[in-house]
């Protein structure tokens, strides 16, 4: 289980990271909202532990943005604010659970285990949408404007990655690492990615007026609605 901890109190962040790692979790740690948001956009996690009061983007801004973009990763909010209104606001923004500081580490572990179980069942029913394009993750099916699209396994994985990173440019390096699982990428691999993106674009965009898959010259690709 891969966990992202976004906590600006460095001592607390390291303590959470070390405690979770001792319990055999793989943990990444960010100390600012911007760094945490970048990791959410570029890596895959099974759970996010998110402090609300962060420098740069605060926790609720990060949470609201990732939910808007279709990320259904379970989120556990950490905060020193204990009013009912604060808790309601966090849950309404898209949090799955809420833990008030200071807290006992065994309680944090129990909540992590509970959210891990919940995330494993909810992930199978996950649906991602942008414009009139819809992905059913559990069925591994894609439709646009009600028309089924026949994608290969690689095309589906590529499209899912682009949808999860909608409105953000993804580089060929990111695609090689996260979709193709090629950690040691060589330049000729760019051609493989470009060919697959071109095939995906034909299936997703050619029959429709609104184009979603866009190339950013010299950088990579982005999935977004025209005009955004």
Protein backbone atom coordinates (compact mmCIF):
# COMPACT_ATOMS: atom_id res chain seq x y z
CA UNK A 1 0.00 0.00 0.00
CA UNK A 2 1.50 3.32 -1.10
CA UNK A 3 0.73 6.32 1.10
CA UNK A 4 1.41 10.01 0.54
CA UNK A 5 1.78 12.16 3.67
CA UNK A 6 1.44 15.92 3.15
CA UNK A 7 2.37 17.59 6.44
CA UNK A 8 4.25 20.87 6.94
CA UNK A 9 5.34 20.12 10.52
CA UNK A 10 8.55 18.34 9.61
CA UNK A 11 8.99 16.48 12.91
CA UNK A 12 5.42 15.18 12.81
CA UNK A 13 5.65 14.33 9.12
CA UNK A 14 8.81 12.28 9.64
CA UNK A 15 7.28 10.53 12.66
CA UNK A 16 4.22 9.53 10.64
CA UNK A 17 6.40 8.39 7.73
CA UNK A 18 8.70 6.29 9.95
CA UNK A 19 5.79 4.81 11.89
CA UNK A 20 3.96 3.76 8.74
CA UNK A 21 7.12 2.37 7.18
CA UNK A 22 7.68 0.29 10.31
CA UNK A 23 4.23 -1.18 9.63
CA UNK A 24 5.35 -2.12 6.09
CA UNK A 25 3.71 0.73 4.18
CA UNK A 26 5.53 2.53 1.38
CA UNK A 27 5.42 6.23 2.26
CA UNK A 28 6.26 9.45 0.40
CA UNK A 29 6.44 12.71 2.36
CA UNK A 30 5.81 16.30 1.23
CA UNK A 31 6.09 19.38 3.44
CA UNK A 32 4.22 21.92 1.29
CA UNK A 33 0.93 21.93 -0.53
CA UNK A 34 2.62 22.50 -3.88
CA UNK A 35 5.02 19.58 -3.43
CA UNK A 36 2.20 17.34 -2.28
CA UNK A 37 -0.04 18.30 -5.18
CA UNK A 38 2.79 17.61 -7.63
CA UNK A 39 3.23 14.10 -6.22
CA UNK A 40 -0.51 13.45 -6.48
CA UNK A 41 -0.36 14.43 -10.15
CA UNK A 42 2.74 12.42 -11.04
CA UNK A 43 2.59 9.26 -8.91
CA UNK A 44 -0.02 6.71 -7.86
CA UNK A 45 -1.05 6.31 -4.21
CA UNK A 46 -3.54 4.13 -2.36
CA UNK A 47 -4.09 6.69 0.43
CA UNK A 48 -3.33 10.35 1.08
CA UNK A 49 -2.84 11.69 4.61
CA UNK A 50 -3.38 15.42 4.21
CA UNK A 51 -2.88 18.26 6.68
CA UNK A 52 -5.29 21.17 6.20
CA UNK A 53 -3.05 24.08 7.21
CA UNK A 54 -0.23 24.01 4.66
CA UNK A 55 2.01 26.67 3.11
CA UNK A 56 1.11 27.37 -0.51
CA UNK A 57 -1.99 25.35 -1.40
CA UNK A 58 -3.88 24.41 1.73
CA UNK A 59 -5.24 20.93 2.25
CA UNK A 60 -8.83 21.73 1.32
CA UNK A 61 -7.73 23.36 -1.94
CA UNK A 62 -5.71 20.27 -2.85
CA UNK A 63 -8.58 17.99 -1.90
CA UNK A 64 -11.16 19.94 -3.86
CA UNK A 65 -8.95 20.04 -6.97
CA UNK A 66 -8.12 16.33 -7.06
CA UNK A 67 -11.76 15.39 -6.53
CA UNK A 68 -12.78 17.71 -9.36
CA UNK A 69 -10.27 15.96 -11.62
CA UNK A 70 -11.62 12.52 -10.85
CA UNK A 71 -9.09 11.22 -8.33
CA UNK A 72 -10.94 8.89 -5.93
CA UNK A 73 -7.92 8.03 -3.76
CA UNK A 74 -9.04 7.86 -0.09
CA UNK A 75 -8.00 10.96 1.86
CA UNK A 76 -7.50 11.22 5.62
CA UNK A 77 -7.46 14.85 6.78
CA UNK A 78 -5.27 15.94 9.69
CA UNK A 79 -6.04 19.19 11.48
CA UNK A 80 -5.78 21.03 14.75
CA UNK A 81 -9.27 22.46 14.17
CA UNK A 82 -11.92 20.52 16.05
CA UNK A 83 -15.18 22.34 15.42
CA UNK A 84 -18.12 20.57 13.85
CA UNK A 85 -18.17 23.11 11.02
CA UNK A 86 -14.52 22.39 10.20
CA UNK A 87 -15.13 18.66 10.09
CA UNK A 88 -18.24 19.05 7.94
CA UNK A 89 -16.40 21.32 5.51
CA UNK A 90 -13.58 18.80 5.14
CA UNK A 91 -15.93 15.88 4.56
CA UNK A 92 -18.07 17.87 2.14
CA UNK A 93 -14.95 18.77 0.14
CA UNK A 94 -14.28 15.07 -0.39
CA UNK A 95 -12.38 13.72 2.61
CA UNK A 96 -13.00 10.11 3.61
CA UNK A 97 -11.98 10.52 7.26
CA UNK A 98 -10.84 13.17 9.71
CA UNK A 99 -8.29 13.00 12.55
CA UNK A 100 -7.75 15.83 15.03
CA UNK A 101 -4.28 16.69 16.32
CA UNK A 102 -2.84 15.63 18.67
CA UNK A 103 -3.66 11.99 18.01
CA UNK A 104 -2.40 8.62 19.14
CA UNK A 105 -0.44 6.80 16.44
CA UNK A 106 -2.35 3.50 16.94
CA UNK A 107 -5.55 5.38 16.06
CA UNK A 108 -3.91 6.72 12.88
CA UNK A 109 -2.89 3.17 11.96
CA UNK A 110 -6.41 1.89 12.56
CA UNK A 111 -7.88 4.59 10.31
CA UNK A 112 -5.28 3.86 7.62
CA UNK A 113 -6.21 0.17 7.69
CA UNK A 114 -9.93 0.99 7.48
CA UNK A 115 -9.45 3.37 4.56
CA UNK A 116 -7.23 0.84 2.82
CA UNK A 117 -9.99 -1.75 3.01
CA UNK A 118 -12.58 0.75 1.81
CA UNK A 119 -10.35 1.99 -1.02
CA UNK A 120 -9.71 -1.52 -2.30
CA UNK A 121 -13.44 -2.15 -2.73
CA UNK A 122 -14.41 1.30 -4.00
CA UNK A 123 -11.61 1.41 -6.57
CA UNK A 124 -13.22 -1.39 -8.53
CA UNK A 125 -16.33 0.73 -9.09
CA UNK A 126 -14.43 3.86 -10.04
CA UNK A 127 -15.63 5.86 -13.04
CA UNK A 128 -13.70 8.70 -14.60
CA UNK A 129 -15.23 11.29 -16.90
CA UNK A 130 -14.22 14.32 -18.92
CA UNK A 131 -16.63 16.05 -21.28
CA UNK A 132 -18.64 13.21 -22.89
CA UNK A 133 -15.87 10.62 -22.38
CA UNK A 134 -16.37 8.01 -19.65
CA UNK A 135 -14.06 5.29 -18.35
CA UNK A 136 -15.35 2.41 -16.27
CA UNK A 137 -12.25 1.24 -14.41
CA UNK A 138 -13.72 -2.01 -13.11
CA UNK A 139 -15.09 -3.08 -16.51
CA UNK A 140 -12.11 -1.53 -18.35
CA UNK A 141 -14.53 -0.06 -20.86
CA UNK A 142 -14.63 3.36 -22.53
CA UNK A 143 -17.45 5.25 -24.17
CA UNK A 144 -17.81 8.67 -25.71
CA UNK A 145 -21.15 10.35 -26.33
CA UNK A 146 -22.72 6.97 -25.60
CA UNK A 147 -20.61 5.16 -28.22
CA UNK A 148 -18.34 2.34 -27.07
CA UNK A 149 -14.66 2.72 -27.96
CA UNK A 150 -12.63 -0.40 -28.67
CA UNK A 151 -9.25 0.13 -26.99
CA UNK A 152 -6.34 -2.22 -26.49
CA UNK A 153 -5.07 -2.83 -22.95
CA UNK A 154 -2.21 -0.37 -23.45
CA UNK A 155 -4.50 2.27 -24.95
CA UNK A 156 -6.85 1.94 -21.98
CA UNK A 157 -3.97 2.33 -19.50
CA UNK A 158 -2.69 5.34 -21.41
CA UNK A 159 -6.11 6.98 -21.54
CA UNK A 160 -6.75 6.30 -17.85
CA UNK A 161 -3.45 7.97 -16.99
CA UNK A 162 -4.26 11.01 -19.12
CA UNK A 163 -7.74 11.32 -17.62
CA UNK A 164 -6.39 11.10 -14.07
CA UNK A 165 -3.98 13.90 -14.98
CA UNK A 166 -6.54 15.93 -16.92
CA UNK A 167 -5.62 19.57 -17.59
CA UNK A 168 -1.98 18.82 -16.69
CA UNK A 169 0.74 18.16 -19.23
CA UNK A 170 2.35 14.73 -18.86
CA UNK A 171 5.79 14.17 -20.32
CA UNK A 172 7.00 11.16 -22.25
CA UNK A 173 9.23 10.40 -19.27
CA UNK A 174 6.16 10.18 -17.02
CA UNK A 175 4.35 7.91 -19.46
CA UNK A 176 7.39 5.67 -19.87
CA UNK A 177 7.77 5.33 -16.10
CA UNK A 178 4.14 5.07 -14.99
CA UNK A 179 2.33 3.43 -17.93
CA UNK A 180 5.04 1.38 -19.62
CA UNK A 181 6.98 0.79 -16.35
CA UNK A 182 10.23 1.58 -18.14
CA UNK A 183 12.44 3.02 -15.41
CA UNK A 184 15.54 3.22 -17.62
CA UNK A 185 14.07 4.89 -20.67
CA UNK A 186 16.13 5.39 -23.84
CA UNK A 187 15.38 8.01 -26.49
CA UNK A 188 14.01 5.55 -29.12
CA UNK A 189 11.17 4.74 -26.71
CA UNK A 190 9.68 8.15 -27.53
CA UNK A 191 8.60 6.74 -30.88
CA UNK A 192 6.63 3.95 -29.21
CA UNK A 193 4.80 6.47 -27.02
CA UNK A 194 4.07 8.81 -29.93
CA UNK A 195 2.63 5.98 -32.01
CA UNK A 196 0.38 4.82 -29.17
CA UNK A 197 -0.83 8.35 -28.46
CA UNK A 198 -1.60 8.84 -32.16
CA UNK A 199 -3.64 5.61 -32.25
CA UNK A 200 -5.47 6.59 -29.08
CA UNK A 201 -6.23 10.06 -30.46
CA UNK A 202 -7.78 8.55 -33.59
CA UNK A 203 -10.12 6.39 -31.52
CA UNK A 204 -11.02 9.05 -28.96
CA UNK A 205 -11.21 12.18 -31.14
CA UNK A 206 -11.55 11.50 -34.87
CA UNK A 207 -15.32 10.96 -34.92
CA UNK A 208 -16.10 13.84 -32.57
CA UNK A 209 -16.09 17.60 -32.95
CA UNK A 210 -14.49 18.34 -29.59
CA UNK A 211 -10.87 17.19 -29.42
CA UNK A 212 -9.56 16.01 -26.06
CA UNK A 213 -6.08 14.55 -26.63
CA UNK A 214 -3.66 17.37 -27.32
CA UNK A 215 0.09 17.52 -27.96
CA UNK A 216 2.20 20.16 -26.26
CA UNK A 217 5.17 20.49 -28.58
CA UNK A 218 8.49 19.71 -26.94
CA UNK A 219 6.85 18.81 -23.61
CA UNK A 220 4.32 16.00 -23.86
CA UNK A 221 0.55 15.52 -23.93
CA UNK A 222 -2.52 16.78 -22.12
CA UNK A 223 -6.13 15.67 -21.98
CA UNK A 224 -8.49 18.61 -21.64
CA UNK A 225 -11.63 20.10 -23.08
CA UNK A 226 -10.96 22.60 -25.86
CA UNK A 227 -11.06 26.15 -24.55
CA UNK A 228 -9.85 25.23 -21.04
